[in-house]
Amino acid sequence: MPPLFDLFRKNRLFFFGYGLMLLIVGILQFTYTQEQLMQWVNIRNTPAADLLFPYITYLGDGAFFVFVCLIVLVYNRRIGLMTLASFALSSLASLFLKTIAFPNSPRPLLYFEHSTYQYHIIKGLEIHSYNSFPSGHTTTAFALFSLFAFLDERKSRSLFFLLLAFLTGYSRVYLFQHFVEDTYAGSLIGTISSIIVYTALHSWALKKRQTDEN
């Protein structure tokens, strides 16, 4: 069976959930402007969310990804190298788009600096002004958690990994760091990166696992 087809077959729960998410968010972006979507998210702020999302967003931080990679390397070197490869590929793709393709894309803070709408911004939070597209944190989160979903033999946990990635992307919009389109693109970059890495290296990693078991 072709590796890519086998990946989709084994992880159909994850891809069904992710596909549904892409469809819904895609329709919303087609129906509403990025400004309207930002206002929809921004107005739904709560004190609890203000406390929670600044921590959730760290799930997409590069340092967190590297930390997880190092832990995985201790337990399984080849799986750890797969994780590092996914991080490297997704990060390079995101960095290229941010700095080369869309170097001056404004973030919400700069884009709405003259807006009459009173946006909710968490006090003390550092908010950037440029390199909005795509969302690097969302890219990292989807690269990490989609790969974990692919590797986890208990496929019932796939939706949990997808939820973690989705919340990370949502946090970037909630924290006024990115537009919805930034996180949408970031999710695609991260997930596709993990699909490429998993398809290319899974047989190599699985061979090592089988050798250890024998």
Protein backbone atom coordinates (compact mmCIF):
# COMPACT_ATOMS: atom_id res chain seq x y z
CA MET A 1 0.00 0.00 0.00
CA PRO A 2 1.44 3.48 -0.88
CA PRO A 3 2.78 5.20 2.27
CA LEU A 4 0.70 8.34 1.77
CA PHE A 5 -2.55 6.42 1.27
CA ASP A 6 -1.74 4.27 4.29
CA LEU A 7 -1.15 7.41 6.38
CA PHE A 8 -4.57 8.84 5.50
CA ARG A 9 -6.27 5.49 6.06
CA LYS A 10 -4.79 4.93 9.51
CA ASN A 11 -5.36 8.53 10.58
CA ARG A 12 -8.78 9.09 9.04
CA LEU A 13 -10.16 10.38 12.36
CA PHE A 14 -7.52 13.10 12.50
CA PHE A 15 -7.91 14.05 8.84
CA PHE A 16 -11.69 14.07 9.10
CA GLY A 17 -11.51 16.48 12.05
CA TYR A 18 -8.85 18.61 10.41
CA GLY A 19 -10.67 18.66 7.09
CA LEU A 20 -13.87 19.75 8.82
CA MET A 21 -11.96 22.52 10.59
CA LEU A 22 -10.44 23.71 7.29
CA LEU A 23 -13.85 23.70 5.65
CA ILE A 24 -15.60 25.66 8.40
CA VAL A 25 -12.85 28.25 8.83
CA GLY A 26 -12.45 28.48 5.06
CA ILE A 27 -16.15 29.23 4.60
CA LEU A 28 -15.98 31.86 7.34
CA GLN A 29 -13.07 33.55 5.58
CA PHE A 30 -14.94 33.48 2.29
CA THR A 31 -18.05 34.95 3.95
CA TYR A 32 -16.49 37.55 6.24
CA THR A 33 -13.49 39.88 6.08
CA GLN A 34 -10.41 39.34 8.23
CA GLU A 35 -11.41 42.44 10.19
CA GLN A 36 -14.85 41.01 10.94
CA LEU A 37 -13.37 37.69 12.03
CA MET A 38 -10.88 39.48 14.25
CA GLN A 39 -13.65 41.46 15.89
CA TRP A 40 -15.72 38.29 16.39
CA VAL A 41 -12.86 36.67 18.28
CA ASN A 42 -11.79 39.82 20.08
CA ILE A 43 -15.19 40.65 21.51
CA ARG A 44 -15.44 37.17 23.06
CA ASN A 45 -12.82 37.86 25.69
CA THR A 46 -13.03 36.83 29.33
CA PRO A 47 -10.72 37.26 32.34
CA ALA A 48 -10.15 33.48 32.41
CA ALA A 49 -9.20 33.41 28.71
CA ASP A 50 -6.88 36.37 29.26
CA LEU A 51 -5.03 34.28 31.82
CA LEU A 52 -5.12 31.01 29.89
CA PHE A 53 -4.27 31.85 26.28
CA PRO A 54 -0.89 33.50 26.96
CA TYR A 55 0.20 30.07 28.27
CA ILE A 56 -1.57 27.98 25.63
CA THR A 57 0.21 29.95 22.92
CA TYR A 58 3.56 28.56 24.16
CA LEU A 59 2.52 25.19 22.74
CA GLY A 60 3.51 26.69 19.40
CA ASP A 61 6.76 28.21 20.57
CA GLY A 62 9.90 26.96 18.84
CA ALA A 63 11.65 26.46 22.17
CA PHE A 64 8.82 24.19 23.32
CA PHE A 65 9.10 22.13 20.13
CA VAL A 66 12.86 21.71 20.57
CA PHE A 67 12.36 20.75 24.22
CA VAL A 68 9.86 18.07 23.21
CA CYS A 69 12.24 16.85 20.49
CA LEU A 70 15.03 16.42 23.03
CA ILE A 71 12.78 14.41 25.33
CA VAL A 72 11.68 12.17 22.46
CA LEU A 73 15.32 11.70 21.40
CA VAL A 74 16.12 10.23 24.81
CA TYR A 75 13.47 7.53 24.45
CA ASN A 76 13.65 6.88 20.71
CA ARG A 77 16.43 8.40 18.64
CA ARG A 78 14.80 7.88 15.24
CA ILE A 79 11.40 9.18 16.30
CA GLY A 80 13.20 12.14 17.84
CA LEU A 81 14.98 12.81 14.56
CA MET A 82 11.65 12.62 12.74
CA THR A 83 10.28 15.23 15.11
CA LEU A 84 13.30 17.48 14.53
CA ALA A 85 12.90 17.05 10.78
CA SER A 86 9.26 18.14 10.96
CA PHE A 87 10.26 21.17 13.02
CA ALA A 88 13.05 22.09 10.59
CA LEU A 89 10.90 21.74 7.46
CA SER A 90 7.90 23.62 8.84
CA SER A 91 10.06 26.36 10.37
CA LEU A 92 12.02 26.94 7.17
CA ALA A 93 8.82 27.15 5.13
CA SER A 94 7.27 29.57 7.60
CA LEU A 95 10.45 31.66 7.81
CA PHE A 96 10.68 31.91 4.03
CA LEU A 97 7.12 33.17 3.75
CA LYS A 98 7.52 35.58 6.66
CA THR A 99 10.83 37.15 5.64
CA ILE A 100 11.06 36.69 1.87
CA ALA A 101 7.57 36.32 0.37
CA PHE A 102 5.59 38.56 2.78
CA PRO A 103 8.18 40.58 4.74
CA ASN A 104 6.00 43.62 5.38
CA SER A 105 2.67 41.97 6.13
CA PRO A 106 1.20 43.99 9.02
CA ARG A 107 -0.04 42.33 12.16
CA PRO A 108 -3.38 43.36 13.69
CA LEU A 109 -1.81 45.92 16.03
CA LEU A 110 -0.35 47.89 13.12
CA TYR A 111 -3.22 47.21 10.72
CA PHE A 112 -5.84 48.54 13.13
CA GLU A 113 -3.80 51.33 14.75
CA HIS A 114 -6.15 53.99 13.34
CA SER A 115 -9.34 51.98 13.75
CA THR A 116 -12.19 53.51 15.71
CA TYR A 117 -13.11 50.04 17.01
CA GLN A 118 -11.87 49.52 20.56
CA TYR A 119 -10.03 46.22 20.48
CA HIS A 120 -9.38 44.26 23.65
CA ILE A 121 -5.65 43.81 24.27
CA ILE A 122 -4.20 42.08 27.31
CA LYS A 123 -2.18 44.53 29.40
CA GLY A 124 1.55 43.86 29.55
CA LEU A 125 1.51 41.50 26.55
CA GLU A 126 4.20 42.17 23.95
CA ILE A 127 2.51 42.40 20.54
CA HIS A 128 4.46 42.48 17.29
CA SER A 129 3.72 44.66 14.28
CA TYR A 130 5.18 42.92 11.21
CA ASN A 131 5.73 39.45 9.66
CA SER A 132 2.13 38.44 10.19
CA PHE A 133 1.80 35.84 7.43
CA PRO A 134 1.87 32.98 8.24
CA SER A 135 1.57 32.34 11.97
CA GLY A 136 4.79 30.66 13.10
CA HIS A 137 3.30 29.44 16.37
CA THR A 138 0.39 27.82 14.56
CA THR A 139 2.77 26.23 12.06
CA THR A 140 4.85 24.77 14.88
CA ALA A 141 1.84 23.51 16.83
CA PHE A 142 0.29 21.72 13.85
CA ALA A 143 3.65 20.26 12.83
CA LEU A 144 4.19 18.85 16.31
CA PHE A 145 0.71 17.62 17.18
CA SER A 146 -0.14 16.23 13.76
CA LEU A 147 3.07 14.19 13.82
CA PHE A 148 2.21 12.94 17.31
CA ALA A 149 -1.23 11.96 16.03
CA PHE A 150 0.35 10.02 13.17
CA LEU A 151 2.80 8.24 15.48
CA ASP A 152 0.36 7.45 18.28
CA GLU A 153 -0.98 3.91 17.95
CA ARG A 154 -4.12 4.91 19.87
CA LYS A 155 -5.90 6.84 17.12
CA SER A 156 -8.67 7.85 19.52
CA ARG A 157 -6.26 10.50 20.82
CA SER A 158 -5.98 12.13 17.39
CA LEU A 159 -8.74 14.64 18.10
CA PHE A 160 -7.04 15.61 21.36
CA PHE A 161 -3.84 16.45 19.45
CA LEU A 162 -5.90 18.35 16.89
CA LEU A 163 -7.62 20.29 19.68
CA LEU A 164 -4.26 21.35 21.14
CA ALA A 165 -3.10 22.58 17.74
CA PHE A 166 -6.39 24.40 17.12
CA LEU A 167 -6.30 26.13 20.51
CA THR A 168 -2.75 27.29 19.81
CA GLY A 169 -3.87 28.82 16.52
CA TYR A 170 -6.93 30.39 18.14
CA SER A 171 -4.71 31.85 20.86
CA ARG A 172 -2.73 33.78 18.24
CA VAL A 173 -5.89 35.53 17.07
CA TYR A 174 -7.21 36.00 20.61
CA LEU A 175 -3.91 37.58 21.70
CA PHE A 176 -4.10 40.00 18.76
CA GLN A 177 -0.91 38.61 17.24
CA HIS A 178 -2.32 37.26 13.96
CA PHE A 179 -5.26 37.28 11.61
CA VAL A 180 -7.33 34.15 10.99
CA GLU A 181 -5.76 33.75 7.53
CA ASP A 182 -2.30 33.65 9.15
CA THR A 183 -3.25 30.78 11.41
CA TYR A 184 -5.12 29.00 8.61
CA ALA A 185 -2.01 29.02 6.42
CA GLY A 186 0.18 28.07 9.38
CA SER A 187 -1.93 25.01 10.08
CA LEU A 188 -1.54 23.86 6.47
CA ILE A 189 2.22 24.38 6.46
CA GLY A 190 2.68 22.52 9.74
CA THR A 191 0.43 19.60 8.84
CA ILE A 192 1.83 19.18 5.32
CA SER A 193 5.37 19.29 6.72
CA SER A 194 4.58 16.44 9.10
CA ILE A 195 2.89 14.47 6.32
CA ILE A 196 6.04 14.78 4.20
CA VAL A 197 8.37 13.84 7.04
CA TYR A 198 6.22 10.95 8.24
CA THR A 199 5.83 9.54 4.73
CA ALA A 200 9.56 9.81 4.06
CA LEU A 201 10.93 8.54 7.37
CA HIS A 202 8.30 6.33 8.98
CA SER A 203 9.57 3.09 7.41
CA TRP A 204 13.08 3.90 8.61
CA ALA A 205 11.86 4.61 12.15
CA LEU A 206 9.56 1.57 12.20
CA LYS A 207 12.39 -0.72 11.06
CA LYS A 208 14.46 0.42 14.03
CA ARG A 209 11.54 -0.19 16.41
CA GLN A 210 10.99 -3.72 15.08
CA THR A 211 14.71 -4.45 15.38
CA ASP A 212 14.70 -3.36 19.02
CA GLU A 213 11.67 -5.54 19.77
CA ASN A 214 13.30 -8.61 18.22
